Protein backbone atom coordinates (compact mmCIF):
# COMPACT_ATOMS: atom_id res chain seq x y z
CA UNK A 1 5.09 53.43 -9.74
CA UNK A 2 6.84 55.07 -6.80
CA UNK A 3 8.52 58.42 -7.49
CA UNK A 4 8.02 58.48 -11.25
CA UNK A 5 7.81 61.72 -13.19
CA UNK A 6 4.96 62.02 -15.66
CA UNK A 7 1.39 60.90 -16.20
CA UNK A 8 -0.07 57.42 -15.63
CA UNK A 9 -3.46 56.44 -17.02
CA UNK A 10 -4.84 53.28 -15.37
CA UNK A 11 -7.73 51.16 -16.70
CA UNK A 12 -9.03 48.98 -13.83
CA UNK A 13 -12.12 46.81 -14.35
CA UNK A 14 -12.11 45.28 -10.86
CA UNK A 15 -12.92 47.10 -7.62
CA UNK A 16 -10.00 46.31 -5.33
CA UNK A 17 -10.26 46.56 -1.58
CA UNK A 18 -7.11 48.67 -1.47
CA UNK A 19 -8.71 51.47 -3.53
CA UNK A 20 -11.93 51.44 -1.51
CA UNK A 21 -14.17 54.44 -2.28
CA UNK A 22 -11.52 55.97 -4.58
CA UNK A 23 -11.94 53.29 -7.25
CA UNK A 24 -12.30 54.55 -10.81
CA UNK A 25 -12.52 52.52 -14.01
CA UNK A 26 -10.19 55.08 -15.60
CA UNK A 27 -7.70 56.68 -13.19
CA UNK A 28 -5.07 59.38 -13.79
CA UNK A 29 -1.97 59.82 -11.63
CA UNK A 30 0.32 62.83 -12.00
CA UNK A 31 3.69 62.77 -10.23
CA UNK A 32 6.62 65.16 -10.24
CA UNK A 33 8.97 62.49 -8.91
CA UNK A 34 8.51 63.31 -5.23
CA UNK A 35 5.31 61.45 -4.33
CA UNK A 36 4.86 57.79 -3.34
CA UNK A 37 2.00 55.47 -4.24
CA UNK A 38 0.10 56.16 -1.02
CA UNK A 39 0.29 59.89 -1.65
CA UNK A 40 -0.93 59.47 -5.22
CA UNK A 41 -3.84 57.28 -4.09
CA UNK A 42 -5.23 60.23 -2.11
CA UNK A 43 -4.93 62.48 -5.22
CA UNK A 44 -6.57 59.98 -7.55
CA UNK A 45 -8.70 61.47 -10.37
CA UNK A 46 -10.67 59.77 -13.13
CA UNK A 47 -14.05 58.40 -14.11
CA UNK A 48 -16.14 55.27 -14.46
CA UNK A 49 -16.68 53.97 -17.97
CA UNK A 50 -18.32 51.05 -19.80
CA UNK A 51 -15.09 49.47 -20.94
CA UNK A 52 -15.51 45.95 -19.52
CA UNK A 53 -16.62 43.21 -21.93
CA UNK A 54 -16.83 40.09 -19.77
CA UNK A 55 -16.81 36.65 -21.42
CA UNK A 56 -19.85 35.46 -19.47
CA UNK A 57 -22.09 38.20 -20.86
CA UNK A 58 -24.65 36.98 -23.39
CA UNK A 59 -23.76 39.73 -25.88
CA UNK A 60 -20.02 39.29 -25.57
CA UNK A 61 -17.92 39.24 -28.74
CA UNK A 62 -14.24 39.80 -29.35
CA UNK A 63 -15.18 42.33 -32.03
CA UNK A 64 -16.45 44.64 -29.30
CA UNK A 65 -13.92 47.25 -28.19
CA UNK A 66 -13.47 50.63 -26.55
CA UNK A 67 -11.22 53.60 -27.40
CA UNK A 68 -9.28 55.86 -25.05
CA UNK A 69 -8.11 59.34 -26.12
CA UNK A 70 -5.29 60.99 -24.18
CA UNK A 71 -4.71 64.61 -25.29
CA UNK A 72 -2.04 66.91 -23.83
CA UNK A 73 -1.66 70.53 -24.85
CA UNK A 74 -0.17 73.54 -23.02
CA UNK A 75 -0.17 71.69 -19.69
CA UNK A 76 -3.82 70.60 -20.01
CA UNK A 77 -4.41 66.81 -19.89
CA UNK A 78 -7.72 65.68 -21.36
CA UNK A 79 -9.03 62.06 -21.20
CA UNK A 80 -12.00 60.93 -23.34
CA UNK A 81 -13.68 57.52 -23.73
CA UNK A 82 -15.47 55.99 -26.72
CA UNK A 83 -17.08 52.93 -24.93
CA UNK A 84 -18.25 51.04 -28.04
CA UNK A 85 -15.88 52.48 -30.66
CA UNK A 86 -18.75 54.24 -32.45
CA UNK A 87 -17.18 57.69 -32.48
CA UNK A 88 -19.31 58.74 -29.53
CA UNK A 89 -16.71 60.26 -27.21
CA UNK A 90 -17.45 60.87 -23.55
CA UNK A 91 -15.52 63.26 -21.35
CA UNK A 92 -13.69 61.48 -18.55
CA UNK A 93 -11.39 63.99 -16.82
CA UNK A 94 -9.41 67.18 -17.46
CA UNK A 95 -6.35 68.02 -15.36
CA UNK A 96 -4.19 71.12 -15.45
CA UNK A 97 -0.64 69.80 -14.97
CA UNK A 98 1.19 73.12 -15.42
CA UNK A 99 1.98 73.32 -11.70
CA UNK A 100 2.08 69.55 -11.09
CA UNK A 101 4.87 68.62 -13.50
CA UNK A 102 8.28 70.14 -14.15
CA UNK A 103 8.76 72.19 -17.31
CA UNK A 104 9.81 70.41 -20.50
CA UNK A 105 9.13 66.99 -18.90
CA UNK A 106 7.39 65.77 -22.03
CA UNK A 107 10.50 66.29 -24.17
CA UNK A 108 12.32 63.77 -22.01
CA UNK A 109 9.38 61.41 -21.64
CA UNK A 110 8.65 57.90 -22.96
CA UNK A 111 5.43 56.10 -23.86
CA UNK A 112 4.95 52.66 -22.33
CA UNK A 113 2.27 50.03 -21.71
CA UNK A 114 2.10 47.58 -18.82
CA UNK A 115 -0.42 45.16 -17.28
CA UNK A 116 -0.95 43.42 -13.97
CA UNK A 117 -3.68 41.25 -12.48
CA UNK A 118 -4.56 39.21 -9.40
CA UNK A 119 -6.45 35.95 -8.81
CA UNK A 120 -9.65 37.33 -10.36
CA UNK A 121 -8.71 38.55 -13.83
CA UNK A 122 -10.26 39.84 -17.01
CA UNK A 123 -8.76 39.50 -20.47
CA UNK A 124 -7.80 42.72 -22.26
CA UNK A 125 -6.35 43.12 -25.73
CA UNK A 126 -4.71 46.19 -27.24
CA UNK A 127 -5.68 46.31 -30.91
CA UNK A 128 -3.72 49.43 -31.79
CA UNK A 129 -1.80 52.42 -30.43
CA UNK A 130 -1.64 55.58 -32.55
CA UNK A 131 -0.01 58.97 -31.87
CA UNK A 132 -1.23 62.23 -33.48
CA UNK A 133 0.10 65.75 -33.46
CA UNK A 134 -3.52 66.96 -33.32
CA UNK A 135 -5.97 65.32 -30.91
CA UNK A 136 -8.89 66.16 -33.22
CA UNK A 137 -7.53 63.73 -35.81
CA UNK A 138 -7.69 60.91 -33.29
CA UNK A 139 -11.31 61.63 -32.53
CA UNK A 140 -12.28 61.58 -36.21
CA UNK A 141 -10.50 58.28 -37.06
CA UNK A 142 -12.88 55.41 -37.64
CA UNK A 143 -12.32 51.89 -36.32
CA UNK A 144 -12.25 49.14 -38.92
CA UNK A 145 -13.91 45.87 -38.05
CA UNK A 146 -11.33 43.13 -37.39
CA UNK A 147 -10.79 40.44 -40.00
CA UNK A 148 -12.78 37.23 -39.35
CA UNK A 149 -9.57 35.30 -38.80
CA UNK A 150 -8.40 37.90 -36.32
CA UNK A 151 -11.82 37.81 -34.68
CA UNK A 152 -11.63 34.02 -34.38
CA UNK A 153 -8.05 34.12 -33.11
CA UNK A 154 -8.94 36.67 -30.45
CA UNK A 155 -12.00 34.69 -29.51
CA UNK A 156 -9.94 31.50 -29.06
CA UNK A 157 -7.33 33.39 -27.06
CA UNK A 158 -10.02 34.77 -24.79
CA UNK A 159 -11.57 31.33 -24.35
CA UNK A 160 -8.21 29.72 -23.57
CA UNK A 161 -7.24 32.43 -21.13
CA UNK A 162 -10.63 32.26 -19.46
CA UNK A 163 -10.33 28.46 -19.21
CA UNK A 164 -6.83 28.73 -17.78
CA UNK A 165 -7.96 31.27 -15.21
CA UNK A 166 -10.94 29.13 -14.30
CA UNK A 167 -8.73 26.07 -13.86
CA UNK A 168 -6.25 27.99 -11.71
CA UNK A 169 -9.01 29.40 -9.56
CA UNK A 170 -10.67 25.97 -9.27
CA UNK A 171 -7.40 24.32 -8.32
CA UNK A 172 -6.76 26.99 -5.74
CA UNK A 173 -10.23 26.49 -4.29
CA UNK A 174 -9.78 22.70 -4.29
CA UNK A 175 -6.45 23.05 -2.53
CA UNK A 176 -7.95 25.30 0.13
CA UNK A 177 -10.92 22.98 0.53
CA UNK A 178 -8.57 20.00 0.79
CA UNK A 179 -6.57 21.71 3.51
CA UNK A 180 -9.76 22.64 5.34
CA UNK A 181 -11.06 19.06 4.92
CA UNK A 182 -7.84 17.61 6.30
CA UNK A 183 -8.10 19.85 9.34
CA UNK A 184 -11.75 18.90 9.84
CA UNK A 185 -10.97 15.19 9.40
CA UNK A 186 -8.14 15.40 11.91
CA UNK A 187 -10.41 17.17 14.39
CA UNK A 188 -13.15 14.60 13.81
CA UNK A 189 -10.70 11.74 14.29
CA UNK A 190 -9.54 13.20 17.56
CA UNK A 191 -13.12 13.82 18.68
CA UNK A 192 -14.30 10.35 17.66
CA UNK A 193 -11.24 8.72 19.21
CA UNK A 194 -11.83 10.50 22.50
CA UNK A 195 -15.53 9.56 22.50
CA UNK A 196 -14.79 5.92 21.57
CA UNK A 197 -12.18 5.61 24.31
CA UNK A 198 -14.54 7.10 26.87
CA UNK A 199 -17.45 4.93 25.69
CA UNK A 200 -15.37 1.73 25.68
CA UNK A 201 -13.97 2.43 29.14
CA UNK A 202 -17.48 3.05 30.46
CA UNK A 203 -18.87 -0.11 28.86
CA UNK A 204 -16.00 -2.24 30.15
CA UNK A 205 -16.54 -0.85 33.64
CA UNK A 206 -20.27 -1.61 33.44
CA UNK A 207 -19.63 -5.17 32.26
CA UNK A 208 -17.11 -5.76 35.04
CA UNK A 209 -19.58 -4.45 37.61
CA UNK A 210 -22.35 -6.60 36.16
CA UNK A 211 -20.18 -9.71 36.26
CA UNK A 212 -19.13 -8.96 39.81
CA UNK A 213 -22.78 -8.52 40.86
CA UNK A 214 -23.74 -11.84 39.23
CA UNK A 215 -21.10 -13.91 41.05
CA UNK A 216 -23.33 -14.69 44.05
CA UNK A 217 -26.59 -15.06 42.15
CA UNK A 218 -28.40 -18.39 41.46
CA UNK A 219 -27.56 -18.02 37.78
CA UNK A 220 -23.85 -18.14 38.53
CA UNK A 221 -24.38 -21.12 40.85
CA UNK A 222 -26.24 -22.93 38.07
CA UNK A 223 -23.36 -22.27 35.71
CA UNK A 224 -20.87 -23.67 38.23
CA UNK A 225 -23.02 -26.78 38.78
CA UNK A 226 -23.35 -27.30 35.05
CA UNK A 227 -19.58 -26.98 34.67
CA UNK A 228 -18.98 -29.55 37.44
CA UNK A 229 -21.51 -31.96 35.90
CA UNK A 230 -19.83 -31.61 32.54
CA UNK A 231 -16.43 -32.34 34.10
CA UNK A 232 -17.84 -35.46 35.81
CA UNK A 233 -19.32 -36.74 32.57
CA UNK A 234 -16.01 -36.14 30.81
CA UNK A 235 -14.23 -38.11 33.54
CA UNK A 236 -16.65 -41.06 33.15
CA UNK A 237 -16.21 -41.01 29.37
CA UNK A 238 -12.42 -41.00 29.74
CA UNK A 239 -12.50 -44.00 32.11
CA UNK A 240 -14.82 -45.91 29.80
CA UNK A 241 -12.67 -45.18 26.79
CA UNK A 242 -9.53 -46.25 28.66
CA UNK A 243 -11.22 -49.44 29.86
CA UNK A 244 -12.53 -50.36 26.41
CA UNK A 245 -9.25 -49.56 24.79
CA UNK A 246 -7.35 -51.55 27.46
CA UNK A 247 -9.53 -54.65 26.98
CA UNK A 248 -9.16 -54.42 23.24
CA UNK A 249 -5.40 -54.04 23.54
CA UNK A 250 -5.12 -57.02 25.84
CA UNK A 251 -7.09 -59.21 23.44
CA UNK A 252 -5.01 -58.08 20.52
CA UNK A 253 -1.76 -58.72 22.42
CA UNK A 254 -2.95 -62.21 23.49
CA UNK A 255 -3.90 -63.02 19.91
CA UNK A 256 -0.50 -61.86 18.68
CA UNK A 257 1.29 -63.91 21.36
CA UNK A 258 -0.70 -67.02 20.40
CA UNK A 259 0.09 -66.56 16.71
CA UNK A 260 3.79 -66.00 17.42
CA UNK A 261 3.86 -69.08 19.73
CA UNK A 262 2.33 -71.24 17.02
CA UNK A 263 4.83 -69.97 14.49
CA UNK A 264 7.70 -70.58 16.91
CA UNK A 265 6.47 -74.15 17.67
CA UNK A 266 6.22 -74.92 13.98
CA UNK A 267 9.68 -73.52 13.39
CA UNK A 268 11.14 -75.57 16.30
CA UNK A 269 9.41 -78.73 15.09
CA UNK A 270 10.76 -78.20 11.61
CA UNK A 271 14.22 -77.55 13.02
CA UNK A 272 14.12 -80.71 15.21
CA UNK A 273 12.94 -82.78 12.29
CA UNK A 274 15.76 -81.49 10.14
CA UNK A 275 18.29 -82.10 12.94
CA UNK A 276 17.00 -85.65 13.44
CA UNK A 277 17.26 -86.36 9.75
CA UNK A 278 20.75 -84.90 9.68
CA UNK A 279 21.77 -86.91 12.78
CA UNK A 280 20.42 -90.10 11.29
CA UNK A 281 22.33 -89.45 8.08
CA UNK A 282 25.56 -88.77 10.01
CA UNK A 283 25.16 -91.90 12.15
CA UNK A 284 24.59 -94.00 9.11
CA UNK A 285 27.69 -92.57 7.48
CA UNK A 286 29.75 -93.16 10.65
CA UNK A 287 28.52 -96.74 10.93
CA UNK A 288 29.34 -97.29 7.31
CA UNK A 289 32.84 -95.81 7.80
CA UNK A 290 33.37 -97.97 10.91
CA UNK A 291 32.25 -101.16 9.19
CA UNK A 292 34.49 -100.43 6.22
CA UNK A 293 37.38 -99.77 8.58
CA UNK A 294 36.76 -103.01 10.50
CA UNK A 295 36.66 -104.99 7.29
CA UNK A 296 39.88 -103.43 6.06
CA UNK A 297 41.61 -104.09 9.36
CA UNK A 298 40.44 -107.75 9.42
CA UNK A 299 41.64 -108.22 5.88
CA UNK A 300 45.02 -106.84 6.72
CA UNK A 301 45.24 -109.00 9.87
CA UNK A 302 44.29 -112.11 7.94
CA UNK A 303 46.87 -111.40 5.31
CA UNK A 304 49.66 -110.69 7.83
CA UNK A 305 48.90 -113.72 10.05
CA UNK A 306 47.20 -114.19 13.38
CA UNK A 307 50.39 -114.46 15.42
CA UNK A 308 51.88 -111.26 14.30
CA UNK A 309 53.14 -108.70 16.86
CA UNK A 310 50.86 -106.04 15.32
CA UNK A 311 47.64 -107.52 16.68
CA UNK A 312 47.57 -105.64 20.01
CA UNK A 313 47.93 -102.36 18.26
CA UNK A 314 45.16 -103.20 15.83
CA UNK A 315 42.76 -104.02 18.68
CA UNK A 316 43.74 -100.81 20.45
CA UNK A 317 43.07 -98.81 17.30
CA UNK A 318 39.67 -100.46 16.90
CA UNK A 319 38.78 -99.65 20.49
CA UNK A 320 39.76 -95.99 20.03
CA UNK A 321 37.71 -95.69 16.87
CA UNK A 322 34.71 -97.26 18.55
CA UNK A 323 35.10 -94.99 21.56
CA UNK A 324 35.32 -91.90 19.34
CA UNK A 325 32.16 -92.88 17.47
CA UNK A 326 30.30 -93.56 20.69
CA UNK A 327 31.44 -90.29 22.28
CA UNK A 328 30.31 -88.33 19.23
CA UNK A 329 26.85 -89.94 19.39
CA UNK A 330 26.59 -89.18 23.07
CA UNK A 331 27.59 -85.52 22.45
CA UNK A 332 24.94 -85.14 19.77
CA UNK A 333 22.23 -86.60 22.05
CA UNK A 334 23.19 -84.30 24.89
CA UNK A 335 23.24 -81.21 22.64
CA UNK A 336 19.87 -82.18 21.25
CA UNK A 337 18.38 -82.43 24.75
CA UNK A 338 19.81 -78.89 25.54
CA UNK A 339 21.97 -80.15 28.36
CA UNK A 340 25.10 -78.73 26.76
């Protein structure tokens, strides 16, 4: 908007803080290309008009509309409003621009439309834009009612835009509330933490002082005596358990020793009996071998004659055999008696 050359007609349905007391529903700005926005705000001209059809109104309908007539002739700018499109035109503002705009500016001018909004927004539709060589023709033109389909389409568009705006505003509010809640929660946590720490420290100090004051009291002495009595009883129980367990262990060990001794005696008796039987069998076999040998020797001596020179050797051999048999018997008896 800064430093433009021409005429700007502004329709504003929200009272902004920036405009303050200068707010107009329909505003007209005239600039020769040398003024800035702040300068134009001080020269603001216009009027208030019933051109706002808010969705929350009970009588709202998308078929409702307003008309704006902008007439320019011989340097005179005339703005009229038809609030309900009934052909009932209301004067808004007249401005003589002959000394406010350069000559022949209109021949180099352009017609344009633009829109802008903030967080709080209304929905506006432009149904038509018509240019006339005679402003009177524009005032006499009637407005046809929109087709039902167009009416429905506009209605849905308005509803969707209103819903989208509501959602955006709600999300923005939720975000701000969330940030504020986080700050409050953090502050509360710090406050609660500080109070809890202080309270716990105070309670611990009080308990320590109370315990210290109770050390020399009869209650504490009773507790100590009860603890000593309990320790004594535990000691007696331990001694009794050890004694009972020791006696039981001794009896069990003695019983096991007796059983093992009986088994060992039986085993030894069986072993001695087997050895005796084996010794008897060996002796009998040795006696039988000796008798057979004596008989064979006598037979051979008888056959070879009594006066033979071999007789001394035969007797010597018999003596050696007898001595060997006797020595073996003696060795077995000594081994049996565990002397060897």
